[in-house]
Each structure stands twice: as C-alpha cells, then as structure tokens.
Amino acid sequence: MQDTSKAKKYADLPGKAKEYLDKLAQLAETRIAMVSVGPEREQIIKV
C-alpha cells in the first residue's frame, strides 16, 4: 500500500488508486469529481 496523502493532482496518485477510482465510477455509473487523500481541505483532488 502506498501513501497518497501527499498527492496534489490525479496524476500523482499511484496506478492502483486510479484503477480503483475508475472501477468505482463504473460500478456507480457516475463520474467521480473529487477525491480526498486526507483530512485537510487542501488534500482534496479534483479529478
């Protein structure tokens, strides 16, 4: 498991995290707009 808390943009996320988000969006039949990588507001990534 890799730490994602320092990611600032979608491209910074590990490949497995991107795969997970893609699968989640597919299963939910919706687009994912934002992802939080920590508890702070600055840790929200717009996808």
PDB file of N, CA and C in Angstrom:
ATOM      1  N   MET A   1       0.843  -1.175   0.000  1.00  0.00           N
ATOM      2  CA  MET A   1       0.000   0.000   0.000  1.00  0.00           C
ATOM      3  C   MET A   1       0.889   1.239   0.000  1.00  0.00           C
ATOM      4  N   GLN A   2       0.552   2.202  -0.856  1.00  0.00           N
ATOM      5  CA  GLN A   2       1.331   3.437  -0.949  1.00  0.00           C
ATOM      6  C   GLN A   2       0.594   4.594  -0.280  1.00  0.00           C
ATOM      7  N   ASP A   3       1.359   5.510   0.294  1.00  0.00           N
ATOM      8  CA  ASP A   3       0.803   6.712   0.903  1.00  0.00           C
ATOM      9  C   ASP A   3       0.347   7.666  -0.198  1.00  0.00           C
ATOM     10  N   THR A   4      -0.896   8.103  -0.158  1.00  0.00           N
ATOM     11  CA  THR A   4      -1.420   9.040  -1.152  1.00  0.00           C
ATOM     12  C   THR A   4      -1.631  10.436  -0.577  1.00  0.00           C
ATOM     13  N   SER A   5      -1.328  10.632   0.689  1.00  0.00           N
ATOM     14  CA  SER A   5      -1.641  11.896   1.361  1.00  0.00           C
ATOM     15  C   SER A   5      -0.887  13.096   0.805  1.00  0.00           C
ATOM     16  N   LYS A   6       0.187  12.872   0.076  1.00  0.00           N
ATOM     17  CA  LYS A   6       0.959  13.989  -0.494  1.00  0.00           C
ATOM     18  C   LYS A   6       0.548  14.308  -1.932  1.00  0.00           C
ATOM     19  N   ALA A   7      -0.368  13.531  -2.493  1.00  0.00           N
ATOM     20  CA  ALA A   7      -0.815  13.755  -3.871  1.00  0.00           C
ATOM     21  C   ALA A   7      -1.539  15.092  -3.980  1.00  0.00           C
ATOM     22  N   LYS A   8      -1.201  15.846  -5.010  1.00  0.00           N
ATOM     23  CA  LYS A   8      -1.820  17.155  -5.238  1.00  0.00           C
ATOM     24  C   LYS A   8      -2.733  17.155  -6.457  1.00  0.00           C
ATOM     25  N   LYS A   9      -2.554  16.171  -7.352  1.00  0.00           N
ATOM     26  CA  LYS A   9      -3.380  16.063  -8.547  1.00  0.00           C
ATOM     27  C   LYS A   9      -3.560  14.593  -8.891  1.00  0.00           C
ATOM     28  N   TYR A  10      -4.523  14.336  -9.755  1.00  0.00           N
ATOM     29  CA  TYR A  10      -4.861  12.962 -10.128  1.00  0.00           C
ATOM     30  C   TYR A  10      -3.640  12.208 -10.634  1.00  0.00           C
ATOM     31  N   ALA A  11      -2.810  12.856 -11.417  1.00  0.00           N
ATOM     32  CA  ALA A  11      -1.613  12.218 -11.981  1.00  0.00           C
ATOM     33  C   ALA A  11      -0.636  11.763 -10.899  1.00  0.00           C
ATOM     34  N   ASP A  12      -0.696  12.364  -9.718  1.00  0.00           N
ATOM     35  CA  ASP A  12       0.195  11.997  -8.611  1.00  0.00           C
ATOM     36  C   ASP A  12      -0.216  10.695  -7.918  1.00  0.00           C
ATOM     37  N   LEU A  13      -1.439  10.249  -8.148  1.00  0.00           N
ATOM     38  CA  LEU A  13      -1.929   9.036  -7.488  1.00  0.00           C
ATOM     39  C   LEU A  13      -1.258   7.797  -8.078  1.00  0.00           C
ATOM     40  N   PRO A  14      -1.036   6.782  -7.258  1.00  0.00           N
ATOM     41  CA  PRO A  14      -0.489   5.522  -7.771  1.00  0.00           C
ATOM     42  C   PRO A  14      -1.467   4.875  -8.755  1.00  0.00           C
ATOM     43  N   GLY A  15      -0.940   4.057  -9.642  1.00  0.00           N
ATOM     44  CA  GLY A  15      -1.760   3.395 -10.651  1.00  0.00           C
ATOM     45  C   GLY A  15      -2.913   2.608 -10.069  1.00  0.00           C
ATOM     46  N   LYS A  16      -2.671   1.897  -8.981  1.00  0.00           N
ATOM     47  CA  LYS A  16      -3.736   1.088  -8.355  1.00  0.00           C
ATOM     48  C   LYS A  16      -4.865   1.973  -7.827  1.00  0.00           C
ATOM     49  N   ALA A  17      -4.531   3.159  -7.328  1.00  0.00           N
ATOM     50  CA  ALA A  17      -5.559   4.082  -6.843  1.00  0.00           C
ATOM     51  C   ALA A  17      -6.417   4.574  -8.008  1.00  0.00           C
ATOM     52  N   LYS A  18      -5.783   4.866  -9.132  1.00  0.00           N
ATOM     53  CA  LYS A  18      -6.523   5.298 -10.327  1.00  0.00           C
ATOM     54  C   LYS A  18      -7.424   4.175 -10.834  1.00  0.00           C
ATOM     55  N   GLU A  19      -6.907   2.944 -10.839  1.00  0.00           N
ATOM     56  CA  GLU A  19      -7.708   1.793 -11.259  1.00  0.00           C
ATOM     57  C   GLU A  19      -8.926   1.630 -10.354  1.00  0.00           C
ATOM     58  N   TYR A  20      -8.722   1.787  -9.055  1.00  0.00           N
ATOM     59  CA  TYR A  20      -9.814   1.672  -8.085  1.00  0.00           C
ATOM     60  C   TYR A  20     -10.879   2.737  -8.349  1.00  0.00           C
ATOM     61  N   LEU A  21     -10.458   3.973  -8.574  1.00  0.00           N
ATOM     62  CA  LEU A  21     -11.413   5.052  -8.830  1.00  0.00           C
ATOM     63  C   LEU A  21     -12.173   4.821 -10.131  1.00  0.00           C
ATOM     64  N   ASP A  22     -11.484   4.343 -11.153  1.00  0.00           N
ATOM     65  CA  ASP A  22     -12.144   4.040 -12.424  1.00  0.00           C
ATOM     66  C   ASP A  22     -13.200   2.950 -12.243  1.00  0.00           C
ATOM     67  N   LYS A  23     -12.854   1.904 -11.510  1.00  0.00           N
ATOM     68  CA  LYS A  23     -13.797   0.803 -11.267  1.00  0.00           C
ATOM     69  C   LYS A  23     -14.989   1.269 -10.432  1.00  0.00           C
ATOM     70  N   LEU A  24     -14.725   2.080  -9.427  1.00  0.00           N
ATOM     71  CA  LEU A  24     -15.792   2.610  -8.586  1.00  0.00           C
ATOM     72  C   LEU A  24     -16.765   3.461  -9.411  1.00  0.00           C
ATOM     73  N   ALA A  25     -16.232   4.294 -10.280  1.00  0.00           N
ATOM     74  CA  ALA A  25     -17.082   5.124 -11.140  1.00  0.00           C
ATOM     75  C   ALA A  25     -17.907   4.251 -12.079  1.00  0.00           C
ATOM     76  N   GLN A  26     -17.297   3.197 -12.598  1.00  0.00           N
ATOM     77  CA  GLN A  26     -18.002   2.282 -13.489  1.00  0.00           C
ATOM     78  C   GLN A  26     -19.143   1.583 -12.748  1.00  0.00           C
ATOM     79  N   LEU A  27     -18.874   1.079 -11.568  1.00  0.00           N
ATOM     80  CA  LEU A  27     -19.898   0.377 -10.793  1.00  0.00           C
ATOM     81  C   LEU A  27     -21.027   1.305 -10.360  1.00  0.00           C
ATOM     82  N   ALA A  28     -20.682   2.543 -10.028  1.00  0.00           N
ATOM     83  CA  ALA A  28     -21.685   3.511  -9.579  1.00  0.00           C
ATOM     84  C   ALA A  28     -22.394   4.193 -10.749  1.00  0.00           C
ATOM     85  N   GLU A  29     -21.883   3.933 -11.956  1.00  0.00           N
ATOM     86  CA  GLU A  29     -22.430   4.537 -13.170  1.00  0.00           C
ATOM     87  C   GLU A  29     -22.498   6.054 -13.071  1.00  0.00           C
ATOM     88  N   THR A  30     -21.399   6.624 -12.602  1.00  0.00           N
ATOM     89  CA  THR A  30     -21.302   8.079 -12.472  1.00  0.00           C
ATOM     90  C   THR A  30     -19.847   8.499 -12.576  1.00  0.00           C
ATOM     91  N   ARG A  31     -19.622   9.785 -12.752  1.00  0.00           N
ATOM     92  CA  ARG A  31     -18.280  10.330 -12.826  1.00  0.00           C
ATOM     93  C   ARG A  31     -17.843  10.751 -11.424  1.00  0.00           C
ATOM     94  N   ILE A  32     -16.600  10.508 -11.085  1.00  0.00           N
ATOM     95  CA  ILE A  32     -16.060  10.952  -9.801  1.00  0.00           C
ATOM     96  C   ILE A  32     -15.423  12.319 -10.024  1.00  0.00           C
ATOM     97  N   ALA A  33     -15.851  13.310  -9.269  1.00  0.00           N
ATOM     98  CA  ALA A  33     -15.367  14.681  -9.449  1.00  0.00           C
ATOM     99  C   ALA A  33     -14.241  15.040  -8.486  1.00  0.00           C
ATOM    100  N   MET A  34     -14.287  14.495  -7.262  1.00  0.00           N
ATOM    101  CA  MET A  34     -13.289  14.833  -6.253  1.00  0.00           C
ATOM    102  C   MET A  34     -12.928  13.606  -5.430  1.00  0.00           C
ATOM    103  N   VAL A  35     -11.688  13.590  -4.961  1.00  0.00           N
ATOM    104  CA  VAL A  35     -11.195  12.506  -4.116  1.00  0.00           C
ATOM    105  C   VAL A  35     -10.409  13.136  -2.976  1.00  0.00           C
ATOM    106  N   SER A  36     -10.666  12.685  -1.775  1.00  0.00           N
ATOM    107  CA  SER A  36      -9.917  13.162  -0.624  1.00  0.00           C
ATOM    108  C   SER A  36      -8.805  12.173  -0.299  1.00  0.00           C
ATOM    109  N   VAL A  37      -7.600  12.701  -0.095  1.00  0.00           N
ATOM    110  CA  VAL A  37      -6.462  11.848   0.258  1.00  0.00           C
ATOM    111  C   VAL A  37      -6.002  12.108   1.694  1.00  0.00           C
ATOM    112  N   GLY A  38      -6.836  12.820   2.454  1.00  0.00           N
ATOM    113  CA  GLY A  38      -6.523  13.115   3.846  1.00  0.00           C
ATOM    114  C   GLY A  38      -7.610  13.970   4.464  1.00  0.00           C
ATOM    115  N   PRO A  39      -7.457  14.324   5.732  1.00  0.00           N
ATOM    116  CA  PRO A  39      -8.498  15.048   6.453  1.00  0.00           C
ATOM    117  C   PRO A  39      -8.564  16.560   6.172  1.00  0.00           C
ATOM    118  N   GLU A  40      -7.537  17.111   5.588  1.00  0.00           N
ATOM    119  CA  GLU A  40      -7.490  18.562   5.360  1.00  0.00           C
ATOM    120  C   GLU A  40      -8.149  18.936   4.025  1.00  0.00           C
ATOM    121  N   ARG A  41      -8.688  20.152   3.951  1.00  0.00           N
ATOM    122  CA  ARG A  41      -9.301  20.625   2.713  1.00  0.00           C
ATOM    123  C   ARG A  41      -8.300  20.660   1.559  1.00  0.00           C
ATOM    124  N   GLU A  42      -7.057  20.943   1.880  1.00  0.00           N
ATOM    125  CA  GLU A  42      -6.010  21.012   0.863  1.00  0.00           C
ATOM    126  C   GLU A  42      -5.690  19.636   0.280  1.00  0.00           C
ATOM    127  N   GLN A  43      -6.238  18.595   0.875  1.00  0.00           N
ATOM    128  CA  GLN A  43      -5.970  17.233   0.431  1.00  0.00           C
ATOM    129  C   GLN A  43      -7.102  16.678  -0.441  1.00  0.00           C
ATOM    130  N   ILE A  44      -7.877  17.578  -1.029  1.00  0.00           N
ATOM    131  CA  ILE A  44      -8.928  17.177  -1.965  1.00  0.00           C
ATOM    132  C   ILE A  44      -8.397  17.375  -3.380  1.00  0.00           C
ATOM    133  N   ILE A  45      -8.529  16.331  -4.190  1.00  0.00           N
ATOM    134  CA  ILE A  45      -8.063  16.360  -5.578  1.00  0.00           C
ATOM    135  C   ILE A  45      -9.278  16.418  -6.484  1.00  0.00           C
ATOM    136  N   LYS A  46      -9.310  17.372  -7.401  1.00  0.00           N
ATOM    137  CA  LYS A  46     -10.356  17.421  -8.423  1.00  0.00           C
ATOM    138  C   LYS A  46      -9.925  16.495  -9.546  1.00  0.00           C
ATOM    139  N   VAL A  47     -10.798  15.554  -9.869  1.00  0.00           N
ATOM    140  CA  VAL A  47     -10.468  14.534 -10.880  1.00  0.00           C
ATOM    141  C   VAL A  47     -10.879  15.009 -12.259  1.00  0.00           C
TER     142      VAL A  47
END
